[in-house]
Structures are given as structure tokens and as C-alpha cells.
Protein backbone atom coordinates (compact mmCIF):
# COMPACT_ATOMS: atom_id res chain seq x y z
CA MET A 1 5.97 6.33 18.74
CA VAL A 2 5.40 6.55 14.97
CA GLU A 3 6.39 3.65 12.92
CA ARG A 4 8.83 4.62 10.20
CA ARG A 5 8.67 3.07 6.78
CA ASP A 6 10.05 3.71 3.34
CA TYR A 7 6.70 3.33 1.55
CA ALA A 8 3.11 4.21 2.58
CA ARG A 9 1.40 1.11 3.85
CA TYR A 10 -2.29 0.39 3.22
CA ASP A 11 -4.44 -1.87 5.48
CA THR A 12 -6.34 -3.89 2.88
CA ASP A 13 -7.79 -7.41 3.96
CA VAL A 14 -8.40 -8.41 0.40
CA PRO A 15 -8.08 -11.74 -1.45
CA ALA A 16 -4.85 -12.26 -3.31
CA MET A 17 -3.11 -15.33 -5.07
CA VAL A 18 0.38 -16.62 -4.16
CA THR A 19 1.99 -18.60 -7.04
CA SER A 20 5.13 -20.70 -6.72
CA PRO A 21 6.72 -23.40 -8.93
CA ASN A 22 5.23 -25.96 -6.45
CA MET A 23 1.59 -24.55 -5.69
CA ARG A 24 -0.89 -21.82 -6.23
CA LEU A 25 -2.66 -20.54 -3.05
CA SER A 26 -5.60 -18.26 -2.28
CA VAL A 27 -4.55 -15.89 0.58
CA ARG A 28 -5.81 -12.78 2.41
CA MET A 29 -3.56 -9.73 1.87
CA LEU A 30 -3.81 -7.76 5.14
CA SER A 31 -1.58 -4.95 4.21
CA VAL A 32 0.66 -3.69 1.32
CA SER A 33 3.13 -1.08 0.41
CA ALA A 34 5.38 -0.53 -2.57
CA GLY A 35 8.10 -2.48 -0.61
CA GLY A 36 6.11 -5.65 0.22
CA ALA A 37 2.95 -6.99 1.81
CA LEU A 38 1.69 -9.18 4.61
CA VAL A 39 -0.48 -12.13 3.57
CA ARG A 40 -2.40 -14.71 5.64
CA MET A 41 -2.79 -18.24 4.52
CA ASP A 42 -5.36 -20.76 5.85
CA ARG A 43 -4.11 -23.28 8.37
CA LEU A 44 -3.67 -26.13 5.87
CA SER A 45 -1.75 -24.06 3.27
CA SER A 46 0.68 -22.64 5.75
CA LYS A 47 1.55 -26.32 6.76
CA VAL A 48 2.60 -27.03 3.10
CA PHE A 49 3.86 -23.80 1.76
CA GLU A 50 7.64 -23.80 1.99
CA ASP A 51 8.89 -21.55 -0.88
CA ASP A 52 11.10 -18.45 -0.33
CA THR A 53 10.29 -16.85 -3.60
CA PHE A 54 6.96 -16.62 -5.28
CA THR A 55 4.53 -14.26 -7.15
CA LEU A 56 1.90 -12.32 -5.36
CA GLU A 57 -1.05 -11.40 -7.62
CA ILE A 58 -3.13 -8.41 -6.41
CA SER A 59 -6.51 -8.05 -8.07
CA GLY A 60 -6.81 -4.62 -9.81
CA VAL A 61 -3.03 -3.98 -9.20
CA GLY A 62 -0.87 -6.70 -10.76
CA ARG A 63 1.55 -9.50 -10.33
CA PHE A 64 4.80 -9.05 -8.41
CA LYS A 65 7.76 -11.20 -7.69
CA ALA A 66 8.28 -11.51 -4.05
CA ASN A 67 10.76 -12.98 -1.33
CA LYS A 68 9.81 -14.24 2.04
CA LYS A 69 11.10 -11.94 4.74
CA TRP A 70 9.45 -13.62 7.73
CA ARG A 71 6.84 -16.14 8.56
CA ARG A 72 4.69 -16.50 11.84
CA ASP A 73 2.15 -19.24 11.82
CA THR A 74 -0.18 -18.47 9.00
CA ASP A 75 1.15 -14.98 8.41
CA LEU A 76 3.86 -14.32 5.86
CA GLY A 77 5.75 -11.05 5.17
CA CYS A 78 7.27 -10.40 1.88
CA LYS A 79 9.37 -8.07 0.00
CA PHE A 80 8.64 -7.12 -3.62
CA ASP A 81 11.62 -7.95 -5.98
CA VAL A 82 10.91 -5.10 -8.63
CA SER A 83 13.04 -2.25 -10.03
CA ASP A 84 12.96 1.28 -8.59
CA LYS A 85 10.93 2.38 -11.65
CA ASP A 86 8.43 -0.44 -11.21
CA ARG A 87 8.31 0.23 -7.49
CA MET A 88 7.30 3.90 -8.10
CA ARG A 89 4.57 2.59 -10.63
CA LEU A 90 3.42 0.26 -7.93
CA ALA A 91 3.13 3.04 -5.25
CA ASP A 92 1.00 4.96 -7.65
CA ARG A 93 -1.43 2.00 -8.41
CA LEU A 94 -1.69 1.13 -4.71
CA GLU A 95 -2.82 4.63 -3.90
CA HIS A 96 -5.23 4.63 -6.71
CA GLN A 97 -6.55 1.16 -5.57
CA PHE A 98 -6.55 1.49 -1.87
CA GLY A 99 -6.66 5.34 -1.27
CA ARG A 100 -4.56 7.33 1.07
CA ALA A 101 -2.48 5.54 3.67
CA GLY A 102 -3.85 5.83 7.15
CA PRO A 103 -2.83 8.88 9.20
CA GLN A 104 -0.73 6.71 11.64
CA ILE A 105 1.81 5.83 8.96
CA GLN A 106 4.44 8.23 7.94
CA PRO A 107 6.95 7.40 5.17
CA ALA A 108 10.47 7.43 6.58
CA ALA A 109 11.57 10.13 4.15
CA ALA A 110 9.02 12.54 5.77
CA ASN A 111 10.47 11.88 9.13
CA ALA A 112 14.10 12.29 8.20
CA GLY A 113 15.91 14.29 11.03
CA HIS A 114 13.17 13.78 13.56
CA PRO A 115 13.79 11.55 16.71
């Protein structure tokens, strides 16, 4: 079964920064798409980070408002809060920065009409 997504996802494992009104954390960004990202905090940071909205700073790409979608231990999944126009620009920047998405990921639009 192929995972269906709205945007190409890139496996990254690069440093990033999460900033909220209450704190600023260094994190590892494990994957990213124009829709959102998966970041991993260190164990101590994960115990104190409680914010649902924050800014994710990706080196070489930019800073993006984000909303927490889920949280599991030290992992945090977020959705970017950007306009459609900015999302398209972000998709271009991500492809430029991280290359083509892996072959196992197929955007949902490419799978339309397929079981």
C-alpha cells in the first residue's frame, strides 16, 4: 500500500529551531513537506514544551508558523499555517533544498482515482 499525501515529503534529519512565546528549542527535523513537518525534541525539552502554536525555522528554507497536530513522547507532528501561495513557494524551496522526494511517496493528486 502506498501512503497518500497532498505534498511530497522529504526525509531530512537536519537541525531546526522551534520558537514559541514561552521558549526557543533546538530540534531535529526528521521529515518535511509543504504541509508540515515531523520534529524530534530532546527528552528534557519534550517534558516542558506545551505550546500548540509555534514557529519552525528551517535553515536555508525559512521560518513558518505551525500548529501542533499530534505529539508522541519526543516527536511532534505539525501543520504549517501558510497561505496557498506561500505553500507553493515552500514546496519549491523544499525541493531545491532537499532534492526529489523518495520514490515511495506519491502525492495524493497523482493517485486520484486509484484504489
